[in-house]
PDB file of N, CA and C in Angstrom:
ATOM      1  N   UNK A   1      85.104  50.348 162.535  1.00  0.00           N
ATOM      2  CA  UNK A   1      84.943  50.369 160.955  1.00  0.00           C
ATOM      3  C   UNK A   1      84.686  49.310 160.241  1.00  0.00           C
ATOM      4  N   UNK A   2      84.860  48.136 160.766  1.00  0.00           N
ATOM      5  CA  UNK A   2      84.552  46.702 160.046  1.00  0.00           C
ATOM      6  C   UNK A   2      83.038  46.876 160.499  1.00  0.00           C
ATOM      7  N   UNK A   3      82.046  47.138 160.899  1.00  0.00           N
ATOM      8  CA  UNK A   3      80.765  47.118 160.466  1.00  0.00           C
ATOM      9  C   UNK A   3      80.031  48.450 160.051  1.00  0.00           C
ATOM     10  N   UNK A   4      80.787  48.595 159.023  1.00  0.00           N
ATOM     11  CA  UNK A   4      80.278  49.645 157.544  1.00  0.00           C
ATOM     12  C   UNK A   4      79.982  48.681 156.680  1.00  0.00           C
ATOM     13  N   UNK A   5      78.610  49.047 155.904  1.00  0.00           N
ATOM     14  CA  UNK A   5      78.520  48.621 154.627  1.00  0.00           C
ATOM     15  C   UNK A   5      79.661  48.920 153.263  1.00  0.00           C
ATOM     16  N   UNK A   6      79.061  47.842 152.604  1.00  0.00           N
ATOM     17  CA  UNK A   6      80.497  48.476 151.485  1.00  0.00           C
ATOM     18  C   UNK A   6      80.290  49.343 150.944  1.00  0.00           C
ATOM     19  N   UNK A   7      79.319  49.907 150.650  1.00  0.00           N
ATOM     20  CA  UNK A   7      78.532  51.402 150.192  1.00  0.00           C
ATOM     21  C   UNK A   7      79.232  52.618 151.028  1.00  0.00           C
ATOM     22  N   UNK A   8      79.159  52.069 152.823  1.00  0.00           N
ATOM     23  CA  UNK A   8      79.217  52.799 153.227  1.00  0.00           C
ATOM     24  C   UNK A   8      80.893  53.243 153.485  1.00  0.00           C
ATOM     25  N   UNK A   9      81.573  51.913 153.240  1.00  0.00           N
ATOM     26  CA  UNK A   9      82.951  52.240 153.448  1.00  0.00           C
ATOM     27  C   UNK A   9      83.506  52.984 152.024  1.00  0.00           C
ATOM     28  N   UNK A  10      82.951  53.054 151.142  1.00  0.00           N
ATOM     29  CA  UNK A  10      83.287  53.544 149.724  1.00  0.00           C
ATOM     30  C   UNK A  10      83.053  55.221 149.802  1.00  0.00           C
ATOM     31  N   UNK A  11      81.977  55.543 150.538  1.00  0.00           N
ATOM     32  CA  UNK A  11      81.646  57.035 150.557  1.00  0.00           C
ATOM     33  C   UNK A  11      82.546  57.771 151.786  1.00  0.00           C
ATOM     34  N   UNK A  12      82.601  56.949 152.992  1.00  0.00           N
ATOM     35  CA  UNK A  12      83.644  57.319 153.891  1.00  0.00           C
ATOM     36  C   UNK A  12      85.172  57.657 153.182  1.00  0.00           C
ATOM     37  N   UNK A  13      85.799  55.848 152.693  1.00  0.00           N
ATOM     38  CA  UNK A  13      86.985  56.555 151.757  1.00  0.00           C
ATOM     39  C   UNK A  13      87.130  57.592 150.846  1.00  0.00           C
ATOM     40  N   UNK A  14      85.971  58.035 150.439  1.00  0.00           N
ATOM     41  CA  UNK A  14      85.820  59.302 149.462  1.00  0.00           C
ATOM     42  C   UNK A  14      86.219  60.551 150.099  1.00  0.00           C
ATOM     43  N   UNK A  15      85.008  60.361 151.107  1.00  0.00           N
ATOM     44  CA  UNK A  15      85.332  62.072 152.072  1.00  0.00           C
ATOM     45  C   UNK A  15      86.627  62.215 152.796  1.00  0.00           C
ATOM     46  N   UNK A  16      87.232  60.795 153.466  1.00  0.00           N
ATOM     47  CA  UNK A  16      88.233  60.897 153.831  1.00  0.00           C
ATOM     48  C   UNK A  16      89.699  61.237 152.925  1.00  0.00           C
ATOM     49  N   UNK A  17      89.650  60.828 151.568  1.00  0.00           N
ATOM     50  CA  UNK A  17      90.748  61.210 150.879  1.00  0.00           C
ATOM     51  C   UNK A  17      90.574  62.599 149.948  1.00  0.00           C
ATOM     52  N   UNK A  18      89.199  63.285 149.758  1.00  0.00           N
ATOM     53  CA  UNK A  18      88.893  64.653 149.312  1.00  0.00           C
ATOM     54  C   UNK A  18      89.399  65.080 150.372  1.00  0.00           C
ATOM     55  N   UNK A  19      88.876  65.202 152.197  1.00  0.00           N
ATOM     56  CA  UNK A  19      89.753  65.799 153.019  1.00  0.00           C
ATOM     57  C   UNK A  19      91.297  66.048 152.821  1.00  0.00           C
ATOM     58  N   UNK A  20      91.870  64.820 152.866  1.00  0.00           N
ATOM     59  CA  UNK A  20      93.316  64.750 152.769  1.00  0.00           C
ATOM     60  C   UNK A  20      93.953  65.231 151.460  1.00  0.00           C
ATOM     61  N   UNK A  21      92.882  65.971 150.185  1.00  0.00           N
ATOM     62  CA  UNK A  21      93.821  66.328 149.080  1.00  0.00           C
ATOM     63  C   UNK A  21      94.591  67.426 149.211  1.00  0.00           C
ATOM     64  N   UNK A  22      93.890  68.054 150.468  1.00  0.00           N
ATOM     65  CA  UNK A  22      94.541  69.650 150.596  1.00  0.00           C
ATOM     66  C   UNK A  22      95.592  69.634 151.270  1.00  0.00           C
ATOM     67  N   UNK A  23      96.537  70.088 151.026  1.00  0.00           N
ATOM     68  CA  UNK A  23      97.804  70.501 152.156  1.00  0.00           C
ATOM     69  C   UNK A  23      97.503  71.218 153.059  1.00  0.00           C
ATOM     70  N   UNK A  24      96.845  71.987 153.007  1.00  0.00           N
ATOM     71  CA  UNK A  24      96.332  72.500 154.444  1.00  0.00           C
ATOM     72  C   UNK A  24      95.628  71.429 155.318  1.00  0.00           C
ATOM     73  N   UNK A  25      94.542  70.917 154.841  1.00  0.00           N
ATOM     74  CA  UNK A  25      93.902  70.395 155.994  1.00  0.00           C
ATOM     75  C   UNK A  25      94.692  68.853 156.282  1.00  0.00           C
ATOM     76  N   UNK A  26      95.804  68.955 155.664  1.00  0.00           N
ATOM     77  CA  UNK A  26      96.573  67.686 156.255  1.00  0.00           C
ATOM     78  C   UNK A  26      97.724  67.907 157.117  1.00  0.00           C
ATOM     79  N   UNK A  27      98.102  69.467 156.859  1.00  0.00           N
ATOM     80  CA  UNK A  27      99.229  70.358 157.893  1.00  0.00           C
ATOM     81  C   UNK A  27      97.984  70.532 159.431  1.00  0.00           C
ATOM     82  N   UNK A  28      97.000  70.425 159.094  1.00  0.00           N
ATOM     83  CA  UNK A  28      96.229  70.887 160.216  1.00  0.00           C
ATOM     84  C   UNK A  28      95.955  69.619 160.879  1.00  0.00           C
ATOM     85  N   UNK A  29      95.664  68.725 160.239  1.00  0.00           N
ATOM     86  CA  UNK A  29      95.262  67.378 161.031  1.00  0.00           C
ATOM     87  C   UNK A  29      96.745  66.590 162.054  1.00  0.00           C
ATOM     88  N   UNK A  30      97.394  67.005 161.024  1.00  0.00           N
ATOM     89  CA  UNK A  30      99.260  66.318 161.671  1.00  0.00           C
ATOM     90  C   UNK A  30      98.933  67.429 163.237  1.00  0.00           C
ATOM     91  N   UNK A  31      99.062  68.281 163.029  1.00  0.00           N
ATOM     92  CA  UNK A  31      98.959  69.513 163.934  1.00  0.00           C
ATOM     93  C   UNK A  31      97.756  68.866 164.945  1.00  0.00           C
ATOM     94  N   UNK A  32      97.338  68.743 164.794  1.00  0.00           N
ATOM     95  CA  UNK A  32      95.977  68.364 165.840  1.00  0.00           C
ATOM     96  C   UNK A  32      96.658  66.938 166.637  1.00  0.00           C
ATOM     97  N   UNK A  33      96.973  66.131 165.461  1.00  0.00           N
ATOM     98  CA  UNK A  33      97.005  64.806 166.017  1.00  0.00           C
ATOM     99  C   UNK A  33      98.177  64.660 167.168  1.00  0.00           C
ATOM    100  N   UNK A  34      99.648  65.649 166.619  1.00  0.00           N
ATOM    101  CA  UNK A  34     100.863  65.501 167.568  1.00  0.00           C
ATOM    102  C   UNK A  34     100.553  66.531 169.068  1.00  0.00           C
ATOM    103  N   UNK A  35      99.417  67.256 168.757  1.00  0.00           N
ATOM    104  CA  UNK A  35      99.315  67.921 169.897  1.00  0.00           C
ATOM    105  C   UNK A  35      98.132  67.505 171.123  1.00  0.00           C
ATOM    106  N   UNK A  36      97.607  65.873 170.580  1.00  0.00           N
ATOM    107  CA  UNK A  36      96.585  65.810 171.128  1.00  0.00           C
ATOM    108  C   UNK A  36      95.287  66.464 171.338  1.00  0.00           C
ATOM    109  N   UNK A  37      94.980  67.262 170.138  1.00  0.00           N
ATOM    110  CA  UNK A  37      93.388  67.988 170.280  1.00  0.00           C
ATOM    111  C   UNK A  37      94.116  69.638 170.275  1.00  0.00           C
ATOM    112  N   UNK A  38      93.391  70.658 169.580  1.00  0.00           N
ATOM    113  CA  UNK A  38      93.514  71.989 170.112  1.00  0.00           C
ATOM    114  C   UNK A  38      92.775  72.450 169.400  1.00  0.00           C
ATOM    115  N   UNK A  39      91.913  74.287 170.096  1.00  0.00           N
ATOM    116  CA  UNK A  39      91.065  75.019 169.964  1.00  0.00           C
ATOM    117  C   UNK A  39      91.151  75.676 168.865  1.00  0.00           C
ATOM    118  N   UNK A  40      89.632  75.940 167.940  1.00  0.00           N
ATOM    119  CA  UNK A  40      89.797  76.363 166.843  1.00  0.00           C
ATOM    120  C   UNK A  40      90.701  77.629 166.643  1.00  0.00           C
ATOM    121  N   UNK A  41      90.720  78.632 167.585  1.00  0.00           N
ATOM    122  CA  UNK A  41      91.429  79.533 168.114  1.00  0.00           C
ATOM    123  C   UNK A  41      93.207  79.270 167.926  1.00  0.00           C
ATOM    124  N   UNK A  42      93.082  78.345 168.801  1.00  0.00           N
ATOM    125  CA  UNK A  42      95.039  77.428 168.371  1.00  0.00           C
ATOM    126  C   UNK A  42      95.551  77.427 167.270  1.00  0.00           C
ATOM    127  N   UNK A  43      94.044  76.594 166.378  1.00  0.00           N
ATOM    128  CA  UNK A  43      94.863  76.135 164.856  1.00  0.00           C
ATOM    129  C   UNK A  43      94.785  77.613 164.613  1.00  0.00           C
ATOM    130  N   UNK A  44      93.819  78.423 164.183  1.00  0.00           N
ATOM    131  CA  UNK A  44      94.028  79.621 163.525  1.00  0.00           C
ATOM    132  C   UNK A  44      95.165  80.529 163.810  1.00  0.00           C
ATOM    133  N   UNK A  45      95.303  80.751 165.144  1.00  0.00           N
ATOM    134  CA  UNK A  45      96.977  81.434 165.256  1.00  0.00           C
ATOM    135  C   UNK A  45      97.837  80.587 164.579  1.00  0.00           C
ATOM    136  N   UNK A  46      97.979  78.868 164.619  1.00  0.00           N
ATOM    137  CA  UNK A  46      99.140  78.512 164.618  1.00  0.00           C
ATOM    138  C   UNK A  46      99.383  78.520 162.441  1.00  0.00           C
ATOM    139  N   UNK A  47      98.300  78.580 162.382  1.00  0.00           N
ATOM    140  CA  UNK A  47      98.460  79.056 160.933  1.00  0.00           C
ATOM    141  C   UNK A  47      98.365  80.176 160.110  1.00  0.00           C
ATOM    142  N   UNK A  48      97.640  81.093 160.657  1.00  0.00           N
ATOM    143  CA  UNK A  48      97.859  82.244 160.161  1.00  0.00           C
ATOM    144  C   UNK A  48      96.956  82.579 158.669  1.00  0.00           C
ATOM    145  N   UNK A  49      95.847  81.911 159.069  1.00  0.00           N
ATOM    146  CA  UNK A  49      94.873  81.565 157.654  1.00  0.00           C
ATOM    147  C   UNK A  49      93.781  83.006 157.993  1.00  0.00           C
ATOM    148  N   UNK A  50      93.001  83.402 157.515  1.00  0.00           N
ATOM    149  CA  UNK A  50      92.140  84.032 157.630  1.00  0.00           C
ATOM    150  C   UNK A  50      90.774  82.907 158.421  1.00  0.00           C
ATOM    151  N   UNK A  51      90.006  83.913 159.298  1.00  0.00           N
ATOM    152  CA  UNK A  51      89.043  82.655 160.049  1.00  0.00           C
ATOM    153  C   UNK A  51      88.203  82.004 159.105  1.00  0.00           C
ATOM    154  N   UNK A  52      88.054  82.717 158.314  1.00  0.00           N
ATOM    155  CA  UNK A  52      86.894  81.719 157.301  1.00  0.00           C
ATOM    156  C   UNK A  52      87.391  80.665 156.677  1.00  0.00           C
ATOM    157  N   UNK A  53      89.166  80.525 156.388  1.00  0.00           N
ATOM    158  CA  UNK A  53      89.674  79.743 155.706  1.00  0.00           C
ATOM    159  C   UNK A  53      89.810  78.375 156.797  1.00  0.00           C
ATOM    160  N   UNK A  54      90.025  78.874 158.024  1.00  0.00           N
ATOM    161  CA  UNK A  54      90.805  77.770 159.456  1.00  0.00           C
ATOM    162  C   UNK A  54      89.020  77.165 159.187  1.00  0.00           C
ATOM    163  N   UNK A  55      88.341  77.586 159.138  1.00  0.00           N
ATOM    164  CA  UNK A  55      86.809  77.573 159.760  1.00  0.00           C
ATOM    165  C   UNK A  55      86.101  76.386 158.386  1.00  0.00           C
ATOM    166  N   UNK A  56      86.254  76.835 157.024  1.00  0.00           N
ATOM    167  CA  UNK A  56      86.339  75.914 156.362  1.00  0.00           C
ATOM    168  C   UNK A  56      86.737  74.642 156.058  1.00  0.00           C
ATOM    169  N   UNK A  57      88.097  74.916 156.411  1.00  0.00           N
ATOM    170  CA  UNK A  57      89.138  73.331 156.626  1.00  0.00           C
ATOM    171  C   UNK A  57      89.040  72.489 157.501  1.00  0.00           C
ATOM    172  N   UNK A  58      88.422  72.894 158.586  1.00  0.00           N
ATOM    173  CA  UNK A  58      87.892  72.159 159.944  1.00  0.00           C
ATOM    174  C   UNK A  58      86.473  71.839 159.826  1.00  0.00           C
ATOM    175  N   UNK A  59      85.812  72.229 158.726  1.00  0.00           N
ATOM    176  CA  UNK A  59      84.364  71.680 158.795  1.00  0.00           C
ATOM    177  C   UNK A  59      84.676  70.842 157.608  1.00  0.00           C
ATOM    178  N   UNK A  60      85.143  70.672 156.570  1.00  0.00           N
ATOM    179  CA  UNK A  60      85.861  69.959 155.858  1.00  0.00           C
ATOM    180  C   UNK A  60      86.061  68.286 156.219  1.00  0.00           C
ATOM    181  N   UNK A  61      87.279  68.532 157.272  1.00  0.00           N
ATOM    182  CA  UNK A  61      88.088  67.825 158.254  1.00  0.00           C
ATOM    183  C   UNK A  61      86.641  66.764 158.871  1.00  0.00           C
ATOM    184  N   UNK A  62      85.816  67.623 159.465  1.00  0.00           N
ATOM    185  CA  UNK A  62      85.061  67.265 160.389  1.00  0.00           C
ATOM    186  C   UNK A  62      83.907  66.336 159.933  1.00  0.00           C
ATOM    187  N   UNK A  63      83.726  67.139 158.419  1.00  0.00           N
ATOM    188  CA  UNK A  63      82.511  66.342 157.972  1.00  0.00           C
ATOM    189  C   UNK A  63      82.958  65.189 157.278  1.00  0.00           C
ATOM    190  N   UNK A  64      84.248  64.918 157.084  1.00  0.00           N
ATOM    191  CA  UNK A  64      84.895  63.712 156.693  1.00  0.00           C
ATOM    192  C   UNK A  64      85.073  62.401 157.387  1.00  0.00           C
ATOM    193  N   UNK A  65      84.728  63.314 159.039  1.00  0.00           N
ATOM    194  CA  UNK A  65      85.099  62.371 159.794  1.00  0.00           C
ATOM    195  C   UNK A  65      86.533  62.360 160.423  1.00  0.00           C
ATOM    196  N   UNK A  66      87.039  63.165 160.040  1.00  0.00           N
ATOM    197  CA  UNK A  66      88.477  62.838 160.365  1.00  0.00           C
ATOM    198  C   UNK A  66      88.997  64.115 161.743  1.00  0.00           C
ATOM    199  N   UNK A  67      88.363  64.823 161.996  1.00  0.00           N
ATOM    200  CA  UNK A  67      87.889  65.432 163.473  1.00  0.00           C
ATOM    201  C   UNK A  67      87.158  65.479 164.033  1.00  0.00           C
ATOM    202  N   UNK A  68      87.356  65.120 165.779  1.00  0.00           N
ATOM    203  CA  UNK A  68      85.927  65.535 166.572  1.00  0.00           C
ATOM    204  C   UNK A  68      85.989  66.896 167.184  1.00  0.00           C
ATOM    205  N   UNK A  69      84.738  67.221 167.538  1.00  0.00           N
ATOM    206  CA  UNK A  69      84.691  68.503 168.104  1.00  0.00           C
ATOM    207  C   UNK A  69      83.652  68.505 169.139  1.00  0.00           C
ATOM    208  N   UNK A  70      84.353  68.743 170.411  1.00  0.00           N
ATOM    209  CA  UNK A  70      83.805  69.174 171.850  1.00  0.00           C
ATOM    210  C   UNK A  70      83.578  70.393 172.129  1.00  0.00           C
ATOM    211  N   UNK A  71      82.404  71.091 172.493  1.00  0.00           N
ATOM    212  CA  UNK A  71      82.614  72.220 173.179  1.00  0.00           C
ATOM    213  C   UNK A  71      82.856  72.448 174.277  1.00  0.00           C
ATOM    214  N   UNK A  72      83.689  73.361 175.103  1.00  0.00           N
ATOM    215  CA  UNK A  72      83.759  73.754 176.068  1.00  0.00           C
ATOM    216  C   UNK A  72      83.862  74.889 176.322  1.00  0.00           C
ATOM    217  N   UNK A  73      82.705  75.325 176.930  1.00  0.00           N
ATOM    218  CA  UNK A  73      82.124  76.737 177.248  1.00  0.00           C
ATOM    219  C   UNK A  73      82.038  77.500 175.508  1.00  0.00           C
ATOM    220  N   UNK A  74      82.755  78.871 176.061  1.00  0.00           N
ATOM    221  CA  UNK A  74      82.562  79.029 173.917  1.00  0.00           C
ATOM    222  C   UNK A  74      83.589  78.618 173.348  1.00  0.00           C
ATOM    223  N   UNK A  75      84.576  77.291 173.327  1.00  0.00           N
ATOM    224  CA  UNK A  75      85.571  77.097 173.143  1.00  0.00           C
ATOM    225  C   UNK A  75      85.327  75.738 171.923  1.00  0.00           C
ATOM    226  N   UNK A  76      85.874  75.301 171.262  1.00  0.00           N
ATOM    227  CA  UNK A  76      85.723  74.255 170.443  1.00  0.00           C
ATOM    228  C   UNK A  76      87.340  73.268 170.741  1.00  0.00           C
ATOM    229  N   UNK A  77      87.265  72.251 171.148  1.00  0.00           N
ATOM    230  CA  UNK A  77      88.360  71.418 170.604  1.00  0.00           C
ATOM    231  C   UNK A  77      88.244  70.314 169.897  1.00  0.00           C
ATOM    232  N   UNK A  78      89.084  70.740 168.954  1.00  0.00           N
ATOM    233  CA  UNK A  78      89.351  69.579 168.069  1.00  0.00           C
ATOM    234  C   UNK A  78      89.992  68.424 168.389  1.00  0.00           C
ATOM    235  N   UNK A  79      90.198  67.191 167.838  1.00  0.00           N
ATOM    236  CA  UNK A  79      90.573  65.698 168.135  1.00  0.00           C
ATOM    237  C   UNK A  79      90.684  65.260 166.770  1.00  0.00           C
ATOM    238  N   UNK A  80      91.898  64.292 166.858  1.00  0.00           N
ATOM    239  CA  UNK A  80      92.102  63.514 165.554  1.00  0.00           C
ATOM    240  C   UNK A  80      90.872  62.086 165.895  1.00  0.00           C
ATOM    241  N   UNK A  81      89.992  61.926 165.222  1.00  0.00           N
ATOM    242  CA  UNK A  81      89.353  60.297 165.437  1.00  0.00           C
ATOM    243  C   UNK A  81      90.274  59.525 164.145  1.00  0.00           C
ATOM    244  N   UNK A  82      90.735  58.780 164.979  1.00  0.00           N
ATOM    245  CA  UNK A  82      91.794  57.512 164.722  1.00  0.00           C
ATOM    246  C   UNK A  82      91.054  56.348 163.997  1.00  0.00           C
ATOM    247  N   UNK A  83      89.440  56.422 164.604  1.00  0.00           N
ATOM    248  CA  UNK A  83      89.038  54.911 163.774  1.00  0.00           C
ATOM    249  C   UNK A  83      88.420  55.240 162.625  1.00  0.00           C
ATOM    250  N   UNK A  84      88.462  56.613 161.987  1.00  0.00           N
ATOM    251  CA  UNK A  84      87.906  57.206 160.740  1.00  0.00           C
ATOM    252  C   UNK A  84      89.339  57.163 159.814  1.00  0.00           C
ATOM    253  N   UNK A  85      90.034  57.740 160.512  1.00  0.00           N
ATOM    254  CA  UNK A  85      91.496  57.593 159.609  1.00  0.00           C
ATOM    255  C   UNK A  85      92.054  56.423 159.266  1.00  0.00           C
ATOM    256  N   UNK A  86      91.414  55.435 160.214  1.00  0.00           N
ATOM    257  CA  UNK A  86      91.777  53.868 159.509  1.00  0.00           C
ATOM    258  C   UNK A  86      91.284  53.234 158.303  1.00  0.00           C
ATOM    259  N   UNK A  87      90.206  53.972 157.453  1.00  0.00           N
ATOM    260  CA  UNK A  87      89.738  53.740 156.433  1.00  0.00           C
ATOM    261  C   UNK A  87      91.105  53.996 155.999  1.00  0.00           C
ATOM    262  N   UNK A  88      91.170  54.911 155.569  1.00  0.00           N
ATOM    263  CA  UNK A  88      92.517  55.025 154.513  1.00  0.00           C
ATOM    264  C   UNK A  88      93.809  54.333 155.014  1.00  0.00           C
ATOM    265  N   UNK A  89      94.144  53.893 156.111  1.00  0.00           N
ATOM    266  CA  UNK A  89      95.258  52.833 156.326  1.00  0.00           C
ATOM    267  C   UNK A  89      94.581  51.705 155.650  1.00  0.00           C
ATOM    268  N   UNK A  90      93.481  50.831 156.357  1.00  0.00           N
ATOM    269  CA  UNK A  90      92.908  50.083 155.534  1.00  0.00           C
ATOM    270  C   UNK A  90      93.349  49.621 153.794  1.00  0.00           C
ATOM    271  N   UNK A  91      92.955  50.850 153.413  1.00  0.00           N
ATOM    272  CA  UNK A  91      93.082  51.143 151.980  1.00  0.00           C
ATOM    273  C   UNK A  91      94.252  50.971 151.490  1.00  0.00           C
ATOM    274  N   UNK A  92      95.217  51.557 152.088  1.00  0.00           N
ATOM    275  CA  UNK A  92      96.477  51.802 151.549  1.00  0.00           C
ATOM    276  C   UNK A  92      97.282  50.489 151.690  1.00  0.00           C
ATOM    277  N   UNK A  93      96.723  49.749 152.726  1.00  0.00           N
ATOM    278  CA  UNK A  93      97.432  48.155 153.096  1.00  0.00           C
ATOM    279  C   UNK A  93      97.232  47.394 151.858  1.00  0.00           C
ATOM    280  N   UNK A  94      96.371  47.290 150.968  1.00  0.00           N
ATOM    281  CA  UNK A  94      96.796  46.934 149.669  1.00  0.00           C
ATOM    282  C   UNK A  94      97.942  46.864 148.828  1.00  0.00           C
ATOM    283  N   UNK A  95      98.523  48.154 148.759  1.00  0.00           N
ATOM    284  CA  UNK A  95      99.473  48.047 148.141  1.00  0.00           C
ATOM    285  C   UNK A  95     100.961  47.514 149.175  1.00  0.00           C
ATOM    286  N   UNK A  96     100.570  47.341 150.120  1.00  0.00           N
ATOM    287  CA  UNK A  96     101.514  46.645 150.817  1.00  0.00           C
ATOM    288  C   UNK A  96     102.366  45.617 150.128  1.00  0.00           C
ATOM    289  N   UNK A  97     101.409  44.563 149.645  1.00  0.00           N
ATOM    290  CA  UNK A  97     101.698  43.492 148.752  1.00  0.00           C
ATOM    291  C   UNK A  97     101.842  43.643 147.297  1.00  0.00           C
ATOM    292  N   UNK A  98     103.057  43.484 146.913  1.00  0.00           N
ATOM    293  CA  UNK A  98     103.496  43.483 145.459  1.00  0.00           C
ATOM    294  C   UNK A  98     102.537  43.294 144.477  1.00  0.00           C
ATOM    295  N   UNK A  99     101.834  42.550 144.777  1.00  0.00           N
ATOM    296  CA  UNK A  99     100.420  41.791 144.031  1.00  0.00           C
ATOM    297  C   UNK A  99     101.238  40.126 142.669  1.00  0.00           C
ATOM    298  N   UNK A 100     100.384  39.497 142.423  1.00  0.00           N
ATOM    299  CA  UNK A 100     101.226  38.661 141.707  1.00  0.00           C
ATOM    300  C   UNK A 100     102.199  38.677 140.814  1.00  0.00           C
ATOM    301  N   UNK A 101     101.659  39.697 139.607  1.00  0.00           N
ATOM    302  CA  UNK A 101     103.008  40.063 138.855  1.00  0.00           C
ATOM    303  C   UNK A 101     103.916  40.580 138.999  1.00  0.00           C
ATOM    304  N   UNK A 102     104.267  41.286 140.072  1.00  0.00           N
ATOM    305  CA  UNK A 102     105.642  41.774 140.636  1.00  0.00           C
ATOM    306  C   UNK A 102     106.591  40.384 141.478  1.00  0.00           C
ATOM    307  N   UNK A 103     105.749  39.680 141.437  1.00  0.00           N
ATOM    308  CA  UNK A 103     106.163  38.560 142.506  1.00  0.00           C
ATOM    309  C   UNK A 103     107.206  37.410 141.834  1.00  0.00           C
ATOM    310  N   UNK A 104     106.400  36.795 140.578  1.00  0.00           N
ATOM    311  CA  UNK A 104     107.447  35.927 139.206  1.00  0.00           C
ATOM    312  C   UNK A 104     109.061  36.969 138.954  1.00  0.00           C
TER     313      UNK A 104
END
């Protein structure tokens, strides 16, 4: 992620946080992470959403770069892209230090 320009970093952060703004997408991302990958059908079965809803959420997560998609015949296997997720972790680290006003 360090090879990104400042503009790419800002655009990436916007996409990541926009994708994570929806509770269902956060749940999908966490479930895919803990299962070390899932097919679209397994995700749909797990969350009991209509197929268009799952497809839309997966599309948003994929567009944000948070999920990778690997085709296996007719199935698609989704996995979390931890490198892309590091953008959010990097940004959140700014809040680890309370800042000069809080130290006094």
